[in-house]
PDB file of N, CA and C in Angstrom:
ATOM      1  N   MET A   1       3.110   7.459  11.611  1.00  0.00           N
ATOM      2  CA  MET A   1       2.314   7.356  10.405  1.00  0.00           C
ATOM      3  C   MET A   1       2.685   6.044   9.711  1.00  0.00           C
ATOM      4  N   PHE A   2       1.683   5.320   9.264  1.00  0.00           N
ATOM      5  CA  PHE A   2       1.874   4.044   8.580  1.00  0.00           C
ATOM      6  C   PHE A   2       1.444   4.194   7.128  1.00  0.00           C
ATOM      7  N   THR A   3       2.174   3.576   6.223  1.00  0.00           N
ATOM      8  CA  THR A   3       1.868   3.624   4.800  1.00  0.00           C
ATOM      9  C   THR A   3       1.429   2.257   4.319  1.00  0.00           C
ATOM     10  N   ILE A   4       0.320   2.226   3.604  1.00  0.00           N
ATOM     11  CA  ILE A   4      -0.152   1.010   2.940  1.00  0.00           C
ATOM     12  C   ILE A   4       0.118   1.222   1.462  1.00  0.00           C
ATOM     13  N   GLU A   5       0.978   0.384   0.906  1.00  0.00           N
ATOM     14  CA  GLU A   5       1.413   0.542  -0.483  1.00  0.00           C
ATOM     15  C   GLU A   5       0.885  -0.609  -1.324  1.00  0.00           C
ATOM     16  N   LEU A   6       0.209  -0.270  -2.407  1.00  0.00           N
ATOM     17  CA  LEU A   6      -0.362  -1.253  -3.327  1.00  0.00           C
ATOM     18  C   LEU A   6       0.453  -1.291  -4.610  1.00  0.00           C
ATOM     19  N   THR A   7       0.798  -2.485  -5.044  1.00  0.00           N
ATOM     20  CA  THR A   7       1.491  -2.661  -6.314  1.00  0.00           C
ATOM     21  C   THR A   7       0.498  -3.269  -7.298  1.00  0.00           C
ATOM     22  N   LEU A   8       0.373  -2.629  -8.451  1.00  0.00           N
ATOM     23  CA  LEU A   8      -0.555  -3.105  -9.475  1.00  0.00           C
ATOM     24  C   LEU A   8       0.189  -3.894 -10.548  1.00  0.00           C
ATOM     25  N   LYS A   9      -0.487  -4.836 -11.151  1.00  0.00           N
ATOM     26  CA  LYS A   9       0.087  -5.607 -12.254  1.00  0.00           C
ATOM     27  C   LYS A   9       0.437  -4.667 -13.408  1.00  0.00           C
ATOM     28  N   TYR A  10       1.570  -4.885 -14.028  1.00  0.00           N
ATOM     29  CA  TYR A  10       2.011  -4.149 -15.216  1.00  0.00           C
ATOM     30  C   TYR A  10       2.193  -2.652 -14.977  1.00  0.00           C
ATOM     31  N   THR A  11       2.357  -2.241 -13.704  1.00  0.00           N
ATOM     32  CA  THR A  11       2.540  -0.837 -13.386  1.00  0.00           C
ATOM     33  C   THR A  11       3.753  -0.702 -12.476  1.00  0.00           C
ATOM     34  N   ALA A  12       4.684   0.161 -12.845  1.00  0.00           N
ATOM     35  CA  ALA A  12       5.912   0.313 -12.067  1.00  0.00           C
ATOM     36  C   ALA A  12       5.718   1.143 -10.800  1.00  0.00           C
ATOM     37  N   LEU A  13       4.810   2.095 -10.839  1.00  0.00           N
ATOM     38  CA  LEU A  13       4.630   2.981  -9.692  1.00  0.00           C
ATOM     39  C   LEU A  13       3.548   2.449  -8.754  1.00  0.00           C
ATOM     40  N   PRO A  14       3.858   2.374  -7.463  1.00  0.00           N
ATOM     41  CA  PRO A  14       2.848   1.904  -6.504  1.00  0.00           C
ATOM     42  C   PRO A  14       1.878   3.005  -6.110  1.00  0.00           C
ATOM     43  N   LEU A  15       0.734   2.618  -5.580  1.00  0.00           N
ATOM     44  CA  LEU A  15      -0.242   3.542  -5.001  1.00  0.00           C
ATOM     45  C   LEU A  15      -0.125   3.414  -3.487  1.00  0.00           C
ATOM     46  N   SER A  16      -0.296   4.520  -2.762  1.00  0.00           N
ATOM     47  CA  SER A  16      -0.185   4.422  -1.313  1.00  0.00           C
ATOM     48  C   SER A  16      -1.141   5.375  -0.615  1.00  0.00           C
ATOM     49  N   VAL A  17      -1.529   4.979   0.581  1.00  0.00           N
ATOM     50  CA  VAL A  17      -2.299   5.819   1.494  1.00  0.00           C
ATOM     51  C   VAL A  17      -1.653   5.710   2.864  1.00  0.00           C
ATOM     52  N   GLN A  18      -1.871   6.719   3.698  1.00  0.00           N
ATOM     53  CA  GLN A  18      -1.282   6.733   5.022  1.00  0.00           C
ATOM     54  C   GLN A  18      -2.386   6.608   6.083  1.00  0.00           C
ATOM     55  N   LYS A  19      -2.056   5.919   7.148  1.00  0.00           N
ATOM     56  CA  LYS A  19      -2.941   5.771   8.307  1.00  0.00           C
ATOM     57  C   LYS A  19      -2.176   6.220   9.545  1.00  0.00           C
ATOM     58  N   LYS A  20      -2.886   6.872  10.478  1.00  0.00           N
ATOM     59  CA  LYS A  20      -2.253   7.418  11.677  1.00  0.00           C
ATOM     60  C   LYS A  20      -1.971   6.362  12.741  1.00  0.00           C
ATOM     61  N   THR A  21      -2.804   5.340  12.837  1.00  0.00           N
ATOM     62  CA  THR A  21      -2.676   4.370  13.921  1.00  0.00           C
ATOM     63  C   THR A  21      -2.323   2.983  13.400  1.00  0.00           C
ATOM     64  N   THR A  22      -1.766   2.186  14.288  1.00  0.00           N
ATOM     65  CA  THR A  22      -1.463   0.794  13.953  1.00  0.00           C
ATOM     66  C   THR A  22      -2.736   0.047  13.595  1.00  0.00           C
ATOM     67  N   GLU A  23      -3.789   0.301  14.369  1.00  0.00           N
ATOM     68  CA  GLU A  23      -5.056  -0.388  14.131  1.00  0.00           C
ATOM     69  C   GLU A  23      -5.635  -0.049  12.765  1.00  0.00           C
ATOM     70  N   GLY A  24      -5.586   1.223  12.383  1.00  0.00           N
ATOM     71  CA  GLY A  24      -6.084   1.644  11.075  1.00  0.00           C
ATOM     72  C   GLY A  24      -5.290   1.035   9.939  1.00  0.00           C
ATOM     73  N   ALA A  25      -3.962   0.995  10.105  1.00  0.00           N
ATOM     74  CA  ALA A  25      -3.102   0.410   9.080  1.00  0.00           C
ATOM     75  C   ALA A  25      -3.348  -1.087   8.946  1.00  0.00           C
ATOM     76  N   GLU A  26      -3.451  -1.777  10.072  1.00  0.00           N
ATOM     77  CA  GLU A  26      -3.705  -3.220  10.039  1.00  0.00           C
ATOM     78  C   GLU A  26      -5.072  -3.537   9.450  1.00  0.00           C
ATOM     79  N   ALA A  27      -6.076  -2.727   9.761  1.00  0.00           N
ATOM     80  CA  ALA A  27      -7.420  -2.948   9.205  1.00  0.00           C
ATOM     81  C   ALA A  27      -7.419  -2.767   7.689  1.00  0.00           C
ATOM     82  N   ALA A  28      -6.741  -1.726   7.212  1.00  0.00           N
ATOM     83  CA  ALA A  28      -6.661  -1.497   5.764  1.00  0.00           C
ATOM     84  C   ALA A  28      -5.898  -2.626   5.089  1.00  0.00           C
ATOM     85  N   TYR A  29      -4.791  -3.046   5.690  1.00  0.00           N
ATOM     86  CA  TYR A  29      -3.990  -4.144   5.138  1.00  0.00           C
ATOM     87  C   TYR A  29      -4.816  -5.429   5.053  1.00  0.00           C
ATOM     88  N   ARG A  30      -5.508  -5.756   6.147  1.00  0.00           N
ATOM     89  CA  ARG A  30      -6.338  -6.969   6.151  1.00  0.00           C
ATOM     90  C   ARG A  30      -7.443  -6.907   5.113  1.00  0.00           C
ATOM     91  N   SER A  31      -8.048  -5.729   4.917  1.00  0.00           N
ATOM     92  CA  SER A  31      -9.117  -5.626   3.916  1.00  0.00           C
ATOM     93  C   SER A  31      -8.570  -5.826   2.506  1.00  0.00           C
ATOM     94  N   VAL A  32      -7.365  -5.345   2.239  1.00  0.00           N
ATOM     95  CA  VAL A  32      -6.755  -5.545   0.916  1.00  0.00           C
ATOM     96  C   VAL A  32      -6.415  -7.013   0.713  1.00  0.00           C
ATOM     97  N   VAL A  33      -5.804  -7.642   1.716  1.00  0.00           N
ATOM     98  CA  VAL A  33      -5.431  -9.057   1.598  1.00  0.00           C
ATOM     99  C   VAL A  33      -6.674  -9.925   1.420  1.00  0.00           C
ATOM    100  N   GLU A  34      -7.713  -9.658   2.172  1.00  0.00           N
ATOM    101  CA  GLU A  34      -8.953 -10.437   2.047  1.00  0.00           C
ATOM    102  C   GLU A  34      -9.580 -10.249   0.664  1.00  0.00           C
ATOM    103  N   ALA A  35      -9.556  -9.033   0.150  1.00  0.00           N
ATOM    104  CA  ALA A  35     -10.095  -8.779  -1.193  1.00  0.00           C
ATOM    105  C   ALA A  35      -9.274  -9.520  -2.248  1.00  0.00           C
ATOM    106  N   MET A  36      -7.941  -9.539  -2.082  1.00  0.00           N
ATOM    107  CA  MET A  36      -7.087 -10.264  -3.028  1.00  0.00           C
ATOM    108  C   MET A  36      -7.354 -11.765  -2.958  1.00  0.00           C
ATOM    109  N   ARG A  37      -7.578 -12.262  -1.750  1.00  0.00           N
ATOM    110  CA  ARG A  37      -7.795 -13.699  -1.552  1.00  0.00           C
ATOM    111  C   ARG A  37      -9.120 -14.151  -2.159  1.00  0.00           C
ATOM    112  N   THR A  38     -10.186 -13.367  -1.966  1.00  0.00           N
ATOM    113  CA  THR A  38     -11.515 -13.797  -2.392  1.00  0.00           C
ATOM    114  C   THR A  38     -11.964 -13.202  -3.725  1.00  0.00           C
ATOM    115  N   GLY A  39     -11.367 -12.079  -4.122  1.00  0.00           N
ATOM    116  CA  GLY A  39     -11.836 -11.396  -5.327  1.00  0.00           C
ATOM    117  C   GLY A  39     -13.089 -10.579  -5.077  1.00  0.00           C
ATOM    118  N   ASN A  40     -13.439 -10.453  -3.807  1.00  0.00           N
ATOM    119  CA  ASN A  40     -14.646  -9.728  -3.424  1.00  0.00           C
ATOM    120  C   ASN A  40     -14.276  -8.663  -2.410  1.00  0.00           C
ATOM    121  N   PRO A  41     -14.590  -7.425  -2.548  1.00  0.00           N
ATOM    122  CA  PRO A  41     -15.363  -6.796  -3.609  1.00  0.00           C
ATOM    123  C   PRO A  41     -14.528  -6.655  -4.879  1.00  0.00           C
ATOM    124  N   ILE A  42     -15.172  -6.309  -5.962  1.00  0.00           N
ATOM    125  CA  ILE A  42     -14.482  -6.123  -7.233  1.00  0.00           C
ATOM    126  C   ILE A  42     -13.649  -4.854  -7.196  1.00  0.00           C
ATOM    127  N   LEU A  43     -14.195  -3.797  -6.607  1.00  0.00           N
ATOM    128  CA  LEU A  43     -13.483  -2.530  -6.429  1.00  0.00           C
ATOM    129  C   LEU A  43     -13.172  -2.337  -4.951  1.00  0.00           C
ATOM    130  N   LEU A  44     -11.974  -1.849  -4.662  1.00  0.00           N
ATOM    131  CA  LEU A  44     -11.561  -1.601  -3.286  1.00  0.00           C
ATOM    132  C   LEU A  44     -11.182  -0.135  -3.152  1.00  0.00           C
ATOM    133  N   GLU A  45     -11.803   0.557  -2.194  1.00  0.00           N
ATOM    134  CA  GLU A  45     -11.520   1.976  -1.974  1.00  0.00           C
ATOM    135  C   GLU A  45     -10.814   2.154  -0.643  1.00  0.00           C
ATOM    136  N   LEU A  46      -9.711   2.908  -0.667  1.00  0.00           N
ATOM    137  CA  LEU A  46      -8.970   3.245   0.542  1.00  0.00           C
ATOM    138  C   LEU A  46      -8.869   4.757   0.647  1.00  0.00           C
ATOM    139  N   SER A  47      -8.902   5.255   1.870  1.00  0.00           N
ATOM    140  CA  SER A  47      -8.754   6.693   2.088  1.00  0.00           C
ATOM    141  C   SER A  47      -7.492   6.949   2.901  1.00  0.00           C
ATOM    142  N   CYS A  48      -7.005   8.170   2.836  1.00  0.00           N
ATOM    143  CA  CYS A  48      -5.755   8.560   3.474  1.00  0.00           C
ATOM    144  C   CYS A  48      -6.039   9.427   4.695  1.00  0.00           C
ATOM    145  N   ASP A  49      -5.378   9.148   5.811  1.00  0.00           N
ATOM    146  CA  ASP A  49      -5.532   9.959   7.015  1.00  0.00           C
ATOM    147  C   ASP A  49      -4.699  11.236   6.959  1.00  0.00           C
ATOM    148  N   GLN A  50      -3.561  11.182   6.282  1.00  0.00           N
ATOM    149  CA  GLN A  50      -2.690  12.352   6.219  1.00  0.00           C
ATOM    150  C   GLN A  50      -3.272  13.444   5.325  1.00  0.00           C
ATOM    151  N   GLN A  51      -3.842  13.062   4.198  1.00  0.00           N
ATOM    152  CA  GLN A  51      -4.487  13.991   3.276  1.00  0.00           C
ATOM    153  C   GLN A  51      -5.961  13.581   3.208  1.00  0.00           C
ATOM    154  N   PRO A  52      -6.823  14.222   4.001  1.00  0.00           N
ATOM    155  CA  PRO A  52      -8.218  13.771   4.126  1.00  0.00           C
ATOM    156  C   PRO A  52      -8.980  13.631   2.808  1.00  0.00           C
ATOM    157  N   GLY A  53      -8.678  14.400   1.797  1.00  0.00           N
ATOM    158  CA  GLY A  53      -9.391  14.300   0.532  1.00  0.00           C
ATOM    159  C   GLY A  53      -8.852  13.235  -0.393  1.00  0.00           C
ATOM    160  N   LYS A  54      -7.742  12.598  -0.025  1.00  0.00           N
ATOM    161  CA  LYS A  54      -7.106  11.611  -0.897  1.00  0.00           C
ATOM    162  C   LYS A  54      -7.769  10.250  -0.728  1.00  0.00           C
ATOM    163  N   LYS A  55      -8.255   9.710  -1.843  1.00  0.00           N
ATOM    164  CA  LYS A  55      -8.843   8.373  -1.876  1.00  0.00           C
ATOM    165  C   LYS A  55      -8.324   7.666  -3.109  1.00  0.00           C
ATOM    166  N   VAL A  56      -8.246   6.364  -3.033  1.00  0.00           N
ATOM    167  CA  VAL A  56      -7.835   5.580  -4.185  1.00  0.00           C
ATOM    168  C   VAL A  56      -8.773   4.374  -4.278  1.00  0.00           C
ATOM    169  N   THR A  57      -9.211   4.085  -5.493  1.00  0.00           N
ATOM    170  CA  THR A  57     -10.047   2.921  -5.754  1.00  0.00           C
ATOM    171  C   THR A  57      -9.358   2.090  -6.821  1.00  0.00           C
ATOM    172  N   VAL A  58      -9.207   0.807  -6.547  1.00  0.00           N
ATOM    173  CA  VAL A  58      -8.538  -0.087  -7.496  1.00  0.00           C
ATOM    174  C   VAL A  58      -9.408  -1.311  -7.742  1.00  0.00           C
ATOM    175  N   MET A  59      -9.219  -1.894  -8.925  1.00  0.00           N
ATOM    176  CA  MET A  59      -9.860  -3.172  -9.218  1.00  0.00           C
ATOM    177  C   MET A  59      -9.029  -4.250  -8.536  1.00  0.00           C
ATOM    178  N   VAL A  60      -9.652  -5.066  -7.733  1.00  0.00           N
ATOM    179  CA  VAL A  60      -8.949  -6.086  -6.971  1.00  0.00           C
ATOM    180  C   VAL A  60      -8.204  -7.046  -7.897  1.00  0.00           C
ATOM    181  N   SER A  61      -8.740  -7.328  -9.045  1.00  0.00           N
ATOM    182  CA  SER A  61      -8.087  -8.245  -9.982  1.00  0.00           C
ATOM    183  C   SER A  61      -6.760  -7.702 -10.506  1.00  0.00           C
ATOM    184  N   GLU A  62      -6.503  -6.416 -10.355  1.00  0.00           N
ATOM    185  CA  GLU A  62      -5.259  -5.807 -10.838  1.00  0.00           C
ATOM    186  C   GLU A  62      -4.193  -5.677  -9.753  1.00  0.00           C
ATOM    187  N   LEU A  63      -4.508  -6.069  -8.512  1.00  0.00           N
ATOM    188  CA  LEU A  63      -3.535  -5.986  -7.430  1.00  0.00           C
ATOM    189  C   LEU A  63      -2.529  -7.121  -7.517  1.00  0.00           C
ATOM    190  N   ALA A  64      -1.251  -6.783  -7.384  1.00  0.00           N
ATOM    191  CA  ALA A  64      -0.198  -7.787  -7.393  1.00  0.00           C
ATOM    192  C   ALA A  64       0.378  -7.994  -5.994  1.00  0.00           C
ATOM    193  N   ALA A  65       0.476  -6.916  -5.194  1.00  0.00           N
ATOM    194  CA  ALA A  65       1.069  -7.016  -3.863  1.00  0.00           C
ATOM    195  C   ALA A  65       0.615  -5.856  -2.999  1.00  0.00           C
ATOM    196  N   VAL A  66       0.731  -6.049  -1.687  1.00  0.00           N
ATOM    197  CA  VAL A  66       0.442  -4.989  -0.724  1.00  0.00           C
ATOM    198  C   VAL A  66       1.484  -5.088   0.381  1.00  0.00           C
ATOM    199  N   GLN A  67       1.925  -3.943   0.866  1.00  0.00           N
ATOM    200  CA  GLN A  67       2.813  -3.941   2.020  1.00  0.00           C
ATOM    201  C   GLN A  67       2.449  -2.781   2.923  1.00  0.00           C
ATOM    202  N   VAL A  68       2.735  -2.941   4.195  1.00  0.00           N
ATOM    203  CA  VAL A  68       2.481  -1.886   5.173  1.00  0.00           C
ATOM    204  C   VAL A  68       3.794  -1.651   5.914  1.00  0.00           C
ATOM    205  N   PHE A  69       4.127  -0.392   6.121  1.00  0.00           N
ATOM    206  CA  PHE A  69       5.338  -0.067   6.853  1.00  0.00           C
ATOM    207  C   PHE A  69       5.153   1.244   7.584  1.00  0.00           C
ATOM    208  N   GLU A  70       5.936   1.404   8.642  1.00  0.00           N
ATOM    209  CA  GLU A  70       5.865   2.612   9.446  1.00  0.00           C
ATOM    210  C   GLU A  70       6.868   3.622   8.921  1.00  0.00           C
ATOM    211  N   LYS A  71       6.391   4.837   8.733  1.00  0.00           N
ATOM    212  CA  LYS A  71       7.251   5.915   8.287  1.00  0.00           C
ATOM    213  C   LYS A  71       8.059   6.369   9.500  1.00  0.00           C
ATOM    214  N   SER A  72       9.381   6.283   9.410  1.00  0.00           N
ATOM    215  CA  SER A  72      10.208   6.646  10.554  1.00  0.00           C
ATOM    216  C   SER A  72      11.317   7.592  10.134  1.00  0.00           C
ATOM    217  N   SER A  73      12.005   8.125  11.100  1.00  0.00           N
ATOM    218  CA  SER A  73      13.097   9.052  10.814  1.00  0.00           C
ATOM    219  C   SER A  73      14.344   8.319  10.357  1.00  0.00           C
ATOM    220  N   THR A  74      14.330   7.000  10.391  1.00  0.00           N
ATOM    221  CA  THR A  74      15.484   6.217   9.974  1.00  0.00           C
ATOM    222  C   THR A  74      15.326   5.723   8.539  1.00  0.00           C
ATOM    223  N   ALA A  75      14.791   6.563   7.685  1.00  0.00           N
ATOM    224  CA  ALA A  75      14.602   6.190   6.280  1.00  0.00           C
ATOM    225  C   ALA A  75      15.954   6.017   5.608  1.00  0.00           C
ATOM    226  N   THR A  76      15.965   5.292   4.530  1.00  0.00           N
ATOM    227  CA  THR A  76      17.206   5.075   3.807  1.00  0.00           C
ATOM    228  C   THR A  76      17.678   6.373   3.173  1.00  0.00           C
ATOM    229  N   ALA A  77      18.920   6.399   2.765  1.00  0.00           N
ATOM    230  CA  ALA A  77      19.498   7.607   2.181  1.00  0.00           C
ATOM    231  C   ALA A  77      18.759   8.043   0.920  1.00  0.00           C
ATOM    232  N   SER A  78      18.195   7.088   0.200  1.00  0.00           N
ATOM    233  CA  SER A  78      17.480   7.423  -1.033  1.00  0.00           C
ATOM    234  C   SER A  78      16.090   7.964  -0.750  1.00  0.00           C
ATOM    235  N   GLY A  79      15.605   7.806   0.491  1.00  0.00           N
ATOM    236  CA  GLY A  79      14.267   8.264   0.830  1.00  0.00           C
ATOM    237  C   GLY A  79      13.175   7.316   0.382  1.00  0.00           C
ATOM    238  N   ARG A  80      13.564   6.152  -0.116  1.00  0.00           N
ATOM    239  CA  ARG A  80      12.586   5.172  -0.587  1.00  0.00           C
ATOM    240  C   ARG A  80      12.129   4.285   0.557  1.00  0.00           C
ATOM    241  N   PRO A  81      10.889   3.801   0.502  1.00  0.00           N
ATOM    242  CA  PRO A  81      10.396   2.907   1.541  1.00  0.00           C
ATOM    243  C   PRO A  81      11.068   1.536   1.454  1.00  0.00           C
ATOM    244  N   PRO A  82      11.012   0.749   2.514  1.00  0.00           N
ATOM    245  CA  PRO A  82      11.574  -0.592   2.466  1.00  0.00           C
ATOM    246  C   PRO A  82      10.856  -1.445   1.432  1.00  0.00           C
ATOM    247  N   GLY A  83      11.562  -2.371   0.824  1.00  0.00           N
ATOM    248  CA  GLY A  83      10.959  -3.210  -0.198  1.00  0.00           C
ATOM    249  C   GLY A  83      11.316  -4.669   0.008  1.00  0.00           C
ATOM    250  N   PHE A  84      10.923  -5.488  -0.912  1.00  0.00           N
ATOM    251  CA  PHE A  84      11.155  -6.915  -0.801  1.00  0.00           C
ATOM    252  C   PHE A  84      12.375  -7.377  -1.558  1.00  0.00           C
ATOM    253  N   PHE A  85      12.795  -6.654  -2.565  1.00  0.00           N
ATOM    254  CA  PHE A  85      13.944  -7.079  -3.330  1.00  0.00           C
ATOM    255  C   PHE A  85      14.629  -5.869  -3.933  1.00  0.00           C
ATOM    256  N   ALA A  86      15.830  -6.079  -4.419  1.00  0.00           N
ATOM    257  CA  ALA A  86      16.584  -5.024  -5.084  1.00  0.00           C
ATOM    258  C   ALA A  86      17.099  -5.567  -6.402  1.00  0.00           C
ATOM    259  N   MET A  87      17.074  -4.741  -7.417  1.00  0.00           N
ATOM    260  CA  MET A  87      17.593  -5.136  -8.718  1.00  0.00           C
ATOM    261  C   MET A  87      18.913  -4.416  -8.933  1.00  0.00           C
ATOM    262  N   THR A  88      19.898  -5.143  -9.411  1.00  0.00           N
ATOM    263  CA  THR A  88      21.189  -4.524  -9.676  1.00  0.00           C
ATOM    264  C   THR A  88      21.533  -4.693 -11.147  1.00  0.00           C
ATOM    265  N   ALA A  89      22.175  -3.699 -11.694  1.00  0.00           N
ATOM    266  CA  ALA A  89      22.624  -3.766 -13.099  1.00  0.00           C
ATOM    267  C   ALA A  89      24.076  -4.199 -13.110  1.00  0.00           C
ATOM    268  N   GLU A  90      24.387  -5.152 -13.937  1.00  0.00           N
ATOM    269  CA  GLU A  90      25.764  -5.639 -14.029  1.00  0.00           C
ATOM    270  C   GLU A  90      26.292  -5.458 -15.407  1.00  0.00           C
TER     271      GLU A  90
END
């Protein structure tokens, strides 16, 4: 199972949908990146393969980042998906 995670501007919690195949995940990822690059379409709708009734629609202008990763049994101890950075309190 692959997860496509969307990060919105000014929002701490990401939105995500799951895809069963590599091809489905890559197609969804490419459509999000292309929408972010061009600003077209204005609204982007993604559906989830794991939960068939789950859909998410976002305004492309509010997208800050997208990542795709494979859900595996080697998840971190915290159960959180891989990310790009870590914040530490000192």
